[in-house]
Amino acid sequence: MNVIYYLGPAETFTEQAAKSFSKDFVSNAKDFVLLPQQTLAKTIMAVTLPEQFAVVPYYNLIEGLIQETLDLLVEHRLTIYAARQIPVQFALGGFLPNNRDGDLTVYSHPKALAQCTDFLQRHYSAAILQETPSTAQGVRQVVETQSGLAVARREALEKNEIPVLQDNIGNRQYSRQNYTEFLFAGTPKNPAFDQLPTTEHRRTLIAVIPTVDRVGLLSDILGQIAFFGINLLKIHSRPALTEVRGQKHAPQMFYLETDVAADSPELQLCIETLNMRLVKQGEIANHRVVRILGSYCLHTCL
């Protein structure tokens, strides 16, 4: 039986992404069980068998890269097999007080509240913004008390019979609709993906973990990527993970998303070069500077 673990609870954008992936990668979607998990760590750590997968958020247009997701993928050595952009459209629903001067509370996940600040400030500036562990929990709070407002997916409000007061209340950045990019990850060399379609354009996410630390280190990495003609889509630097670094590694590591497939000659040559240039003398055989986290197609639901 195939299982998708996803960051719960139900009625969230992550569940929506998990359902979308389940239709793409399983011949019989009825055999695909979706199981929510409480945290990102539990979601990824639950994947131990080839028939198990994890759906986790990776990037949001407004909030940026989700560092914890990438760190966990490196630590637990999962492979990314697909990515999908899901539009983030929040609705406002609930029950307004009979007395206009009465206290009003708006419940939702802190990131959802942050992504709807323009609307809330304009229309409910006096309201108390109450953070909840998830947008779904905010909906449940309104259901249980039959008071207050919730910022959540419209489908979650309707499913719980909460009156929808306003649709699509999210901030608009760069004149673009907000979205979250989700990753579909599983065990390495999964036999279910031996026959990945080669006709679709793929991108590759790598982690670069040098054992040297010197002036111009990042410039050296970017210079090699440019030299081999590789288009860079995202870059993120952070202190090297304790589990990865030990005492010999440099204090910084880098996540790079490239616009080429993992088996492309230019990326293979670039990785080979970085593996030689970014280690201390004598450590080449003991440390792999570049780790390929996955080569995958990106699909959009926007």
C-alpha atoms as a PDB file:
ATOM      1  CA  MET A   1       0.000   0.000   0.000  1.00  0.00           C
ATOM      2  CA  ASN A   2       1.369   3.418  -0.982  1.00  0.00           C
ATOM      3  CA  VAL A   3       1.401   6.098   1.700  1.00  0.00           C
ATOM      4  CA  ILE A   4       1.871   9.858   1.508  1.00  0.00           C
ATOM      5  CA  TYR A   5       2.810  11.540   4.755  1.00  0.00           C
ATOM      6  CA  TYR A   6       2.138  15.270   4.770  1.00  0.00           C
ATOM      7  CA  LEU A   7       2.388  18.158   7.200  1.00  0.00           C
ATOM      8  CA  GLY A   8      -1.079  18.207   8.730  1.00  0.00           C
ATOM      9  CA  PRO A   9      -3.692  18.667   9.768  1.00  0.00           C
ATOM     10  CA  ALA A  10      -6.294  18.040   7.090  1.00  0.00           C
ATOM     11  CA  GLU A  11      -7.978  20.880   5.164  1.00  0.00           C
ATOM     12  CA  THR A  12      -4.668  22.684   4.609  1.00  0.00           C
ATOM     13  CA  PHE A  13      -2.739  23.601   1.481  1.00  0.00           C
ATOM     14  CA  THR A  14      -0.313  20.747   2.168  1.00  0.00           C
ATOM     15  CA  GLU A  15      -3.174  18.255   2.057  1.00  0.00           C
ATOM     16  CA  GLN A  16      -4.288  19.816  -1.220  1.00  0.00           C
ATOM     17  CA  ALA A  17      -0.770  19.303  -2.596  1.00  0.00           C
ATOM     18  CA  ALA A  18      -0.660  15.718  -1.334  1.00  0.00           C
ATOM     19  CA  LYS A  19      -3.943  14.916  -3.095  1.00  0.00           C
ATOM     20  CA  SER A  20      -2.623  16.478  -6.270  1.00  0.00           C
ATOM     21  CA  PHE A  21       0.563  14.398  -6.186  1.00  0.00           C
ATOM     22  CA  SER A  22      -1.385  11.214  -5.432  1.00  0.00           C
ATOM     23  CA  LYS A  23      -3.260  11.552  -8.718  1.00  0.00           C
ATOM     24  CA  ASP A  24      -0.007  11.873 -10.677  1.00  0.00           C
ATOM     25  CA  PHE A  25       2.182   9.124  -9.290  1.00  0.00           C
ATOM     26  CA  VAL A  26      -0.076   6.196  -8.546  1.00  0.00           C
ATOM     27  CA  SER A  27      -1.927   4.179 -11.147  1.00  0.00           C
ATOM     28  CA  ASN A  28      -4.783   3.549  -8.724  1.00  0.00           C
ATOM     29  CA  ALA A  29      -5.304   6.571  -6.488  1.00  0.00           C
ATOM     30  CA  LYS A  30      -7.671   4.597  -4.208  1.00  0.00           C
ATOM     31  CA  ASP A  31      -4.670   2.615  -2.952  1.00  0.00           C
ATOM     32  CA  PHE A  32      -2.846   5.769  -1.909  1.00  0.00           C
ATOM     33  CA  VAL A  33      -3.364   6.595   1.779  1.00  0.00           C
ATOM     34  CA  LEU A  34      -2.750  10.161   2.974  1.00  0.00           C
ATOM     35  CA  LEU A  35      -1.586  10.453   6.590  1.00  0.00           C
ATOM     36  CA  PRO A  36      -1.104  13.866   8.255  1.00  0.00           C
ATOM     37  CA  GLN A  37       1.836  14.433  10.592  1.00  0.00           C
ATOM     38  CA  GLN A  38       2.312  17.056  13.296  1.00  0.00           C
ATOM     39  CA  THR A  39       5.680  18.469  12.222  1.00  0.00           C
ATOM     40  CA  LEU A  40       7.984  18.632   9.216  1.00  0.00           C
ATOM     41  CA  ALA A  41      10.474  16.394  11.001  1.00  0.00           C
ATOM     42  CA  LYS A  42       7.888  13.695  11.696  1.00  0.00           C
ATOM     43  CA  THR A  43       6.656  13.907   8.105  1.00  0.00           C
ATOM     44  CA  ILE A  44      10.092  13.225   6.637  1.00  0.00           C
ATOM     45  CA  MET A  45      11.228  10.751   9.285  1.00  0.00           C
ATOM     46  CA  ALA A  46       8.121   8.629   8.636  1.00  0.00           C
ATOM     47  CA  VAL A  47       9.448   7.725   5.172  1.00  0.00           C
ATOM     48  CA  THR A  48      11.493   4.536   5.505  1.00  0.00           C
ATOM     49  CA  LEU A  49      10.177   2.239   2.740  1.00  0.00           C
ATOM     50  CA  PRO A  50      10.011   2.584  -1.074  1.00  0.00           C
ATOM     51  CA  GLU A  51       6.205   2.766  -1.032  1.00  0.00           C
ATOM     52  CA  GLN A  52       6.224   5.672   1.424  1.00  0.00           C
ATOM     53  CA  PHE A  53       6.506   9.329   0.406  1.00  0.00           C
ATOM     54  CA  ALA A  54       6.472  12.770   2.001  1.00  0.00           C
ATOM     55  CA  VAL A  55       4.868  15.988   0.759  1.00  0.00           C
ATOM     56  CA  VAL A  56       6.444  19.062   2.341  1.00  0.00           C
ATOM     57  CA  PRO A  57       6.429  22.814   1.633  1.00  0.00           C
ATOM     58  CA  TYR A  58       9.666  24.128   0.152  1.00  0.00           C
ATOM     59  CA  TYR A  59       9.181  27.730  -0.993  1.00  0.00           C
ATOM     60  CA  ASN A  60       6.577  30.482  -0.694  1.00  0.00           C
ATOM     61  CA  LEU A  61       6.535  33.525  -2.964  1.00  0.00           C
ATOM     62  CA  ILE A  62       6.100  35.917  -0.020  1.00  0.00           C
ATOM     63  CA  GLU A  63       7.823  34.096   2.844  1.00  0.00           C
ATOM     64  CA  GLY A  64      10.704  32.645   0.794  1.00  0.00           C
ATOM     65  CA  LEU A  65      12.611  29.379   1.250  1.00  0.00           C
ATOM     66  CA  ILE A  66      11.667  26.971   4.054  1.00  0.00           C
ATOM     67  CA  GLN A  67      15.080  26.079   5.405  1.00  0.00           C
ATOM     68  CA  GLU A  68      13.924  23.307   7.739  1.00  0.00           C
ATOM     69  CA  THR A  69      12.587  21.288   4.805  1.00  0.00           C
ATOM     70  CA  LEU A  70      15.938  21.278   3.020  1.00  0.00           C
ATOM     71  CA  ASP A  71      17.897  20.518   6.193  1.00  0.00           C
ATOM     72  CA  LEU A  72      15.682  17.517   6.930  1.00  0.00           C
ATOM     73  CA  LEU A  73      15.997  16.185   3.386  1.00  0.00           C
ATOM     74  CA  VAL A  74      19.800  16.320   3.694  1.00  0.00           C
ATOM     75  CA  GLU A  75      19.856  14.820   7.179  1.00  0.00           C
ATOM     76  CA  HIS A  76      17.542  11.900   6.334  1.00  0.00           C
ATOM     77  CA  ARG A  77      18.803  11.470   2.767  1.00  0.00           C
ATOM     78  CA  LEU A  78      15.479  11.502   0.950  1.00  0.00           C
ATOM     79  CA  THR A  79      15.266  12.134  -2.793  1.00  0.00           C
ATOM     80  CA  ILE A  80      12.971  14.687  -4.443  1.00  0.00           C
ATOM     81  CA  TYR A  81      10.950  13.201  -7.308  1.00  0.00           C
ATOM     82  CA  ALA A  82       8.558  16.028  -8.175  1.00  0.00           C
ATOM     83  CA  ALA A  83       7.593  19.594  -7.301  1.00  0.00           C
ATOM     84  CA  ARG A  84       4.317  21.461  -7.601  1.00  0.00           C
ATOM     85  CA  GLN A  85       3.219  25.064  -7.153  1.00  0.00           C
ATOM     86  CA  ILE A  86      -0.109  25.401  -5.359  1.00  0.00           C
ATOM     87  CA  PRO A  87      -1.844  28.821  -5.362  1.00  0.00           C
ATOM     88  CA  VAL A  88      -2.298  30.244  -1.872  1.00  0.00           C
ATOM     89  CA  GLN A  89      -5.737  31.833  -1.754  1.00  0.00           C
ATOM     90  CA  PHE A  90      -7.076  32.667   1.681  1.00  0.00           C
ATOM     91  CA  ALA A  91     -10.686  33.404   2.514  1.00  0.00           C
ATOM     92  CA  LEU A  92     -12.150  35.048   5.608  1.00  0.00           C
ATOM     93  CA  GLY A  93     -15.105  33.455   7.339  1.00  0.00           C
ATOM     94  CA  GLY A  94     -16.839  33.447  10.681  1.00  0.00           C
ATOM     95  CA  PHE A  95     -19.257  35.351  12.855  1.00  0.00           C
ATOM     96  CA  LEU A  96     -19.189  39.090  13.465  1.00  0.00           C
ATOM     97  CA  PRO A  97     -20.326  40.372  16.907  1.00  0.00           C
ATOM     98  CA  ASN A  98     -23.809  41.863  17.141  1.00  0.00           C
ATOM     99  CA  ASN A  99     -22.299  44.874  18.841  1.00  0.00           C
ATOM    100  CA  ARG A 100     -19.978  46.701  16.422  1.00  0.00           C
ATOM    101  CA  ASP A 101     -17.863  47.795  19.393  1.00  0.00           C
ATOM    102  CA  GLY A 102     -17.485  44.226  20.642  1.00  0.00           C
ATOM    103  CA  ASP A 103     -14.162  42.433  20.677  1.00  0.00           C
ATOM    104  CA  LEU A 104     -13.321  40.553  17.501  1.00  0.00           C
ATOM    105  CA  THR A 105     -10.651  37.875  17.154  1.00  0.00           C
ATOM    106  CA  VAL A 106      -9.198  36.565  13.898  1.00  0.00           C
ATOM    107  CA  TYR A 107      -7.706  33.060  14.141  1.00  0.00           C
ATOM    108  CA  SER A 108      -5.153  31.506  11.809  1.00  0.00           C
ATOM    109  CA  HIS A 109      -1.611  30.237  11.353  1.00  0.00           C
ATOM    110  CA  PRO A 110       0.952  33.052  11.808  1.00  0.00           C
ATOM    111  CA  LYS A 111       2.142  32.818   8.194  1.00  0.00           C
ATOM    112  CA  ALA A 112      -1.442  33.033   6.930  1.00  0.00           C
ATOM    113  CA  LEU A 113      -2.067  36.135   9.045  1.00  0.00           C
ATOM    114  CA  ALA A 114       1.187  37.661   7.773  1.00  0.00           C
ATOM    115  CA  GLN A 115       0.160  37.016   4.175  1.00  0.00           C
ATOM    116  CA  CYS A 116      -3.176  38.804   4.651  1.00  0.00           C
ATOM    117  CA  THR A 117      -2.003  41.902   6.528  1.00  0.00           C
ATOM    118  CA  ASP A 118      -3.172  44.408   3.897  1.00  0.00           C
ATOM    119  CA  PHE A 119      -6.796  43.254   3.989  1.00  0.00           C
ATOM    120  CA  LEU A 120      -6.951  42.762   7.765  1.00  0.00           C
ATOM    121  CA  GLN A 121      -5.426  46.155   8.490  1.00  0.00           C
ATOM    122  CA  ARG A 122      -7.781  47.872   6.070  1.00  0.00           C
ATOM    123  CA  HIS A 123     -11.018  46.226   7.245  1.00  0.00           C
ATOM    124  CA  TYR A 124     -10.365  44.834  10.750  1.00  0.00           C
ATOM    125  CA  SER A 125      -7.632  47.011  12.217  1.00  0.00           C
ATOM    126  CA  ALA A 126      -9.058  46.742  15.748  1.00  0.00           C
ATOM    127  CA  ALA A 127      -9.340  42.948  15.682  1.00  0.00           C
ATOM    128  CA  ILE A 128      -7.131  40.719  17.825  1.00  0.00           C
ATOM    129  CA  LEU A 129      -4.983  38.446  15.668  1.00  0.00           C
ATOM    130  CA  GLN A 130      -4.736  35.081  17.417  1.00  0.00           C
ATOM    131  CA  GLU A 131      -2.123  32.650  16.085  1.00  0.00           C
ATOM    132  CA  THR A 132      -3.003  28.945  15.840  1.00  0.00           C
ATOM    133  CA  PRO A 133      -0.857  25.898  14.914  1.00  0.00           C
ATOM    134  CA  SER A 134      -2.586  25.677  11.520  1.00  0.00           C
ATOM    135  CA  THR A 135      -5.291  27.369   9.472  1.00  0.00           C
ATOM    136  CA  ALA A 136      -7.446  24.289  10.099  1.00  0.00           C
ATOM    137  CA  GLN A 137      -7.103  24.792  13.868  1.00  0.00           C
ATOM    138  CA  GLY A 138      -8.265  28.380  13.428  1.00  0.00           C
ATOM    139  CA  VAL A 139     -11.368  27.099  11.652  1.00  0.00           C
ATOM    140  CA  ARG A 140     -12.048  24.634  14.463  1.00  0.00           C
ATOM    141  CA  GLN A 141     -11.747  27.439  17.030  1.00  0.00           C
ATOM    142  CA  VAL A 142     -14.475  29.392  15.250  1.00  0.00           C
ATOM    143  CA  VAL A 143     -16.643  26.275  14.929  1.00  0.00           C
ATOM    144  CA  GLU A 144     -16.336  25.411  18.617  1.00  0.00           C
ATOM    145  CA  THR A 145     -17.065  28.923  19.908  1.00  0.00           C
ATOM    146  CA  GLN A 146     -19.387  30.051  17.100  1.00  0.00           C
ATOM    147  CA  SER A 147     -17.625  33.394  17.316  1.00  0.00           C
ATOM    148  CA  GLY A 148     -14.697  35.212  15.741  1.00  0.00           C
ATOM    149  CA  LEU A 149     -13.212  34.948  12.273  1.00  0.00           C
ATOM    150  CA  ALA A 150     -10.829  32.502  10.623  1.00  0.00           C
ATOM    151  CA  VAL A 151      -8.394  32.950   7.750  1.00  0.00           C
ATOM    152  CA  ALA A 152      -8.208  29.667   5.852  1.00  0.00           C
ATOM    153  CA  ARG A 153      -8.905  27.907   2.575  1.00  0.00           C
ATOM    154  CA  ARG A 154     -12.430  28.590   1.344  1.00  0.00           C
ATOM    155  CA  GLU A 155     -13.026  24.830   1.108  1.00  0.00           C
ATOM    156  CA  ALA A 156     -12.221  24.414   4.821  1.00  0.00           C
ATOM    157  CA  LEU A 157     -14.682  27.151   5.792  1.00  0.00           C
ATOM    158  CA  GLU A 158     -17.439  25.704   3.623  1.00  0.00           C
ATOM    159  CA  LYS A 159     -16.838  22.155   4.820  1.00  0.00           C
ATOM    160  CA  ASN A 160     -17.337  23.327   8.418  1.00  0.00           C
ATOM    161  CA  GLU A 161     -20.402  25.433   7.489  1.00  0.00           C
ATOM    162  CA  ILE A 162     -18.747  28.717   8.395  1.00  0.00           C
ATOM    163  CA  PRO A 163     -20.111  31.731   6.475  1.00  0.00           C
ATOM    164  CA  VAL A 164     -17.544  33.049   3.988  1.00  0.00           C
ATOM    165  CA  LEU A 165     -17.290  36.829   4.341  1.00  0.00           C
ATOM    166  CA  GLN A 166     -14.570  37.560   1.784  1.00  0.00           C
ATOM    167  CA  ASP A 167     -12.598  35.507  -0.730  1.00  0.00           C
ATOM    168  CA  ASN A 168      -8.971  35.836  -1.885  1.00  0.00           C
ATOM    169  CA  ILE A 169      -7.799  38.262   0.826  1.00  0.00           C
ATOM    170  CA  GLY A 170      -4.063  37.598   0.506  1.00  0.00           C
ATOM    171  CA  ASN A 171      -1.470  40.284  -0.133  1.00  0.00           C
ATOM    172  CA  ARG A 172      -0.326  40.574  -3.730  1.00  0.00           C
ATOM    173  CA  GLN A 173       3.432  40.724  -4.209  1.00  0.00           C
ATOM    174  CA  TYR A 174       5.118  41.869  -7.426  1.00  0.00           C
ATOM    175  CA  SER A 175       1.643  41.900  -9.053  1.00  0.00           C
ATOM    176  CA  ARG A 176       1.700  38.098  -8.801  1.00  0.00           C
ATOM    177  CA  GLN A 177      -0.559  35.664  -7.014  1.00  0.00           C
ATOM    178  CA  ASN A 178       1.050  34.040  -3.993  1.00  0.00           C
ATOM    179  CA  TYR A 179       1.892  30.355  -4.188  1.00  0.00           C
ATOM    180  CA  THR A 180       3.705  27.669  -2.227  1.00  0.00           C
ATOM    181  CA  GLU A 181       5.969  25.149  -3.887  1.00  0.00           C
ATOM    182  CA  PHE A 182       5.719  21.620  -2.478  1.00  0.00           C
ATOM    183  CA  LEU A 183       8.145  18.725  -2.849  1.00  0.00           C
ATOM    184  CA  PHE A 184       7.295  15.048  -3.307  1.00  0.00           C
ATOM    185  CA  ALA A 185      10.128  13.003  -1.753  1.00  0.00           C
ATOM    186  CA  GLY A 186      10.883   9.352  -1.102  1.00  0.00           C
ATOM    187  CA  THR A 187      13.658   6.871  -0.515  1.00  0.00           C
ATOM    188  CA  PRO A 188      16.726   7.098  -2.824  1.00  0.00           C
ATOM    189  CA  LYS A 189      16.769   5.131  -6.087  1.00  0.00           C
ATOM    190  CA  ASN A 190      13.096   4.340  -5.703  1.00  0.00           C
ATOM    191  CA  PRO A 191      12.087   1.650  -8.247  1.00  0.00           C
ATOM    192  CA  ALA A 192       8.756   3.410  -8.763  1.00  0.00           C
ATOM    193  CA  PHE A 193      10.661   6.191 -10.526  1.00  0.00           C
ATOM    194  CA  ASP A 194      13.073   4.162 -12.636  1.00  0.00           C
ATOM    195  CA  GLN A 195      11.147   5.169 -15.752  1.00  0.00           C
ATOM    196  CA  LEU A 196      10.841   8.909 -15.204  1.00  0.00           C
ATOM    197  CA  PRO A 197       9.750  10.688 -18.399  1.00  0.00           C
ATOM    198  CA  THR A 198      12.760  12.178 -20.161  1.00  0.00           C
ATOM    199  CA  THR A 199      10.702  14.476 -22.383  1.00  0.00           C
ATOM    200  CA  GLU A 200       9.708  16.819 -19.546  1.00  0.00           C
ATOM    201  CA  HIS A 201      12.069  19.591 -18.469  1.00  0.00           C
ATOM    202  CA  ARG A 202      13.715  18.845 -15.144  1.00  0.00           C
ATOM    203  CA  ARG A 203      15.510  20.970 -12.585  1.00  0.00           C
ATOM    204  CA  THR A 204      17.977  19.758  -9.959  1.00  0.00           C
ATOM    205  CA  LEU A 205      18.414  20.769  -6.326  1.00  0.00           C
ATOM    206  CA  ILE A 206      21.874  20.298  -4.822  1.00  0.00           C
ATOM    207  CA  ALA A 207      23.492  20.894  -1.442  1.00  0.00           C
ATOM    208  CA  VAL A 208      27.084  22.176  -1.535  1.00  0.00           C
ATOM    209  CA  ILE A 209      28.953  21.397   1.696  1.00  0.00           C
ATOM    210  CA  PRO A 210      32.609  22.549   1.469  1.00  0.00           C
ATOM    211  CA  THR A 211      35.302  21.502   3.916  1.00  0.00           C
ATOM    212  CA  VAL A 212      37.243  24.718   3.289  1.00  0.00           C
ATOM    213  CA  ASP A 213      36.437  28.255   4.370  1.00  0.00           C
ATOM    214  CA  ARG A 214      38.093  31.088   2.506  1.00  0.00           C
ATOM    215  CA  VAL A 215      37.475  34.541   1.088  1.00  0.00           C
ATOM    216  CA  GLY A 216      35.613  34.241  -2.198  1.00  0.00           C
ATOM    217  CA  LEU A 217      34.180  30.770  -1.470  1.00  0.00           C
ATOM    218  CA  LEU A 218      30.673  31.604  -2.710  1.00  0.00           C
ATOM    219  CA  SER A 219      32.124  33.503  -5.656  1.00  0.00           C
ATOM    220  CA  ASP A 220      34.090  30.373  -6.590  1.00  0.00           C
ATOM    221  CA  ILE A 221      30.932  28.231  -6.508  1.00  0.00           C
ATOM    222  CA  LEU A 222      28.917  30.670  -8.588  1.00  0.00           C
ATOM    223  CA  GLY A 223      31.822  31.101 -10.972  1.00  0.00           C
ATOM    224  CA  GLN A 224      31.890  27.372 -11.700  1.00  0.00           C
ATOM    225  CA  ILE A 225      28.139  27.297 -12.275  1.00  0.00           C
ATOM    226  CA  ALA A 226      28.437  30.200 -14.706  1.00  0.00           C
ATOM    227  CA  PHE A 227      31.472  28.663 -16.419  1.00  0.00           C
ATOM    228  CA  PHE A 228      29.529  25.507 -17.261  1.00  0.00           C
ATOM    229  CA  GLY A 229      26.561  27.540 -18.516  1.00  0.00           C
ATOM    230  CA  ILE A 230      24.095  26.461 -15.838  1.00  0.00           C
ATOM    231  CA  ASN A 231      21.088  28.660 -15.093  1.00  0.00           C
ATOM    232  CA  LEU A 232      20.658  29.144 -11.338  1.00  0.00           C
ATOM    233  CA  LEU A 233      17.062  29.447 -10.088  1.00  0.00           C
ATOM    234  CA  LYS A 234      17.498  29.714  -6.297  1.00  0.00           C
ATOM    235  CA  ILE A 235      20.373  30.014  -3.855  1.00  0.00           C
ATOM    236  CA  HIS A 236      20.367  29.856  -0.076  1.00  0.00           C
ATOM    237  CA  SER A 237      23.299  29.848   2.348  1.00  0.00           C
ATOM    238  CA  ARG A 238      23.196  28.776   5.970  1.00  0.00           C
ATOM    239  CA  PRO A 239      25.520  27.491   8.709  1.00  0.00           C
ATOM    240  CA  ALA A 240      26.485  23.889   7.982  1.00  0.00           C
ATOM    241  CA  LEU A 241      24.371  21.300   9.749  1.00  0.00           C
ATOM    242  CA  THR A 242      25.911  19.791  12.875  1.00  0.00           C
ATOM    243  CA  GLU A 243      25.126  16.316  11.561  1.00  0.00           C
ATOM    244  CA  VAL A 244      26.951  17.109   8.331  1.00  0.00           C
ATOM    245  CA  ARG A 245      29.734  19.408   9.472  1.00  0.00           C
ATOM    246  CA  GLY A 246      31.588  17.638  12.264  1.00  0.00           C
ATOM    247  CA  GLN A 247      34.862  19.368  13.114  1.00  0.00           C
ATOM    248  CA  LYS A 248      36.390  19.377   9.649  1.00  0.00           C
ATOM    249  CA  HIS A 249      33.737  21.124   7.565  1.00  0.00           C
ATOM    250  CA  ALA A 250      33.459  24.806   6.753  1.00  0.00           C
ATOM    251  CA  PRO A 251      30.882  26.815   8.731  1.00  0.00           C
ATOM    252  CA  GLN A 252      28.735  27.525   5.650  1.00  0.00           C
ATOM    253  CA  MET A 253      26.786  25.317   3.246  1.00  0.00           C
ATOM    254  CA  PHE A 254      24.681  26.261   0.220  1.00  0.00           C
ATOM    255  CA  TYR A 255      21.462  25.056  -1.371  1.00  0.00           C
ATOM    256  CA  LEU A 256      21.292  25.643  -5.135  1.00  0.00           C
ATOM    257  CA  GLU A 257      18.393  24.933  -7.467  1.00  0.00           C
ATOM    258  CA  THR A 258      19.521  24.629 -11.083  1.00  0.00           C
ATOM    259  CA  ASP A 259      17.568  24.658 -14.324  1.00  0.00           C
ATOM    260  CA  VAL A 260      19.131  21.450 -15.694  1.00  0.00           C
ATOM    261  CA  ALA A 261      18.648  17.723 -15.159  1.00  0.00           C
ATOM    262  CA  ALA A 262      21.013  15.823 -12.859  1.00  0.00           C
ATOM    263  CA  ASP A 263      22.346  13.709 -15.726  1.00  0.00           C
ATOM    264  CA  SER A 264      23.166  16.707 -17.944  1.00  0.00           C
ATOM    265  CA  PRO A 265      26.862  16.804 -18.956  1.00  0.00           C
ATOM    266  CA  GLU A 266      27.296  20.412 -17.809  1.00  0.00           C
ATOM    267  CA  LEU A 267      26.016  19.732 -14.295  1.00  0.00           C
ATOM    268  CA  GLN A 268      28.023  16.517 -13.993  1.00  0.00           C
ATOM    269  CA  LEU A 269      31.220  18.377 -14.921  1.00  0.00           C
ATOM    270  CA  CYS A 270      30.359  21.228 -12.540  1.00  0.00           C
ATOM    271  CA  ILE A 271      29.796  18.823  -9.651  1.00  0.00           C
ATOM    272  CA  GLU A 272      33.053  17.018 -10.387  1.00  0.00           C
ATOM    273  CA  THR A 273      34.917  20.327 -10.366  1.00  0.00           C
ATOM    274  CA  LEU A 274      33.317  21.522  -7.119  1.00  0.00           C
ATOM    275  CA  ASN A 275      34.118  18.200  -5.436  1.00  0.00           C
ATOM    276  CA  MET A 276      37.797  18.809  -6.214  1.00  0.00           C
ATOM    277  CA  ARG A 277      37.981  22.555  -5.487  1.00  0.00           C
ATOM    278  CA  LEU A 278      36.060  22.792  -2.209  1.00  0.00           C
ATOM    279  CA  VAL A 279      37.807  20.235  -0.012  1.00  0.00           C
ATOM    280  CA  LYS A 280      41.033  20.375   1.948  1.00  0.00           C
ATOM    281  CA  GLN A 281      43.982  18.549   0.498  1.00  0.00           C
ATOM    282  CA  GLY A 282      43.795  14.825   1.216  1.00  0.00           C
ATOM    283  CA  GLU A 283      40.048  14.818   1.938  1.00  0.00           C
ATOM    284  CA  ILE A 284      38.738  14.241  -1.605  1.00  0.00           C
ATOM    285  CA  ALA A 285      38.100  10.554  -0.993  1.00  0.00           C
ATOM    286  CA  ASN A 286      36.468  11.154   2.374  1.00  0.00           C
ATOM    287  CA  HIS A 287      33.939  13.874   1.641  1.00  0.00           C
ATOM    288  CA  ARG A 288      31.437  14.519  -1.112  1.00  0.00           C
ATOM    289  CA  VAL A 289      31.041  18.290  -1.421  1.00  0.00           C
ATOM    290  CA  VAL A 290      27.955  18.209  -3.651  1.00  0.00           C
ATOM    291  CA  ARG A 291      24.897  16.154  -2.802  1.00  0.00           C
ATOM    292  CA  ILE A 292      22.088  15.847  -5.327  1.00  0.00           C
ATOM    293  CA  LEU A 293      18.802  16.155  -3.435  1.00  0.00           C
ATOM    294  CA  GLY A 294      16.682  15.425  -6.498  1.00  0.00           C
ATOM    295  CA  SER A 295      16.090  15.960 -10.192  1.00  0.00           C
ATOM    296  CA  TYR A 296      12.429  16.604 -10.877  1.00  0.00           C
ATOM    297  CA  CYS A 297       9.755  18.272 -12.968  1.00  0.00           C
ATOM    298  CA  LEU A 298       7.916  21.308 -11.663  1.00  0.00           C
ATOM    299  CA  HIS A 299       4.184  21.458 -12.342  1.00  0.00           C
ATOM    300  CA  THR A 300       2.014  24.457 -11.616  1.00  0.00           C
ATOM    301  CA  CYS A 301      -1.630  24.648 -10.587  1.00  0.00           C
ATOM    302  CA  LEU A 302      -1.717  28.457 -10.817  1.00  0.00           C
END
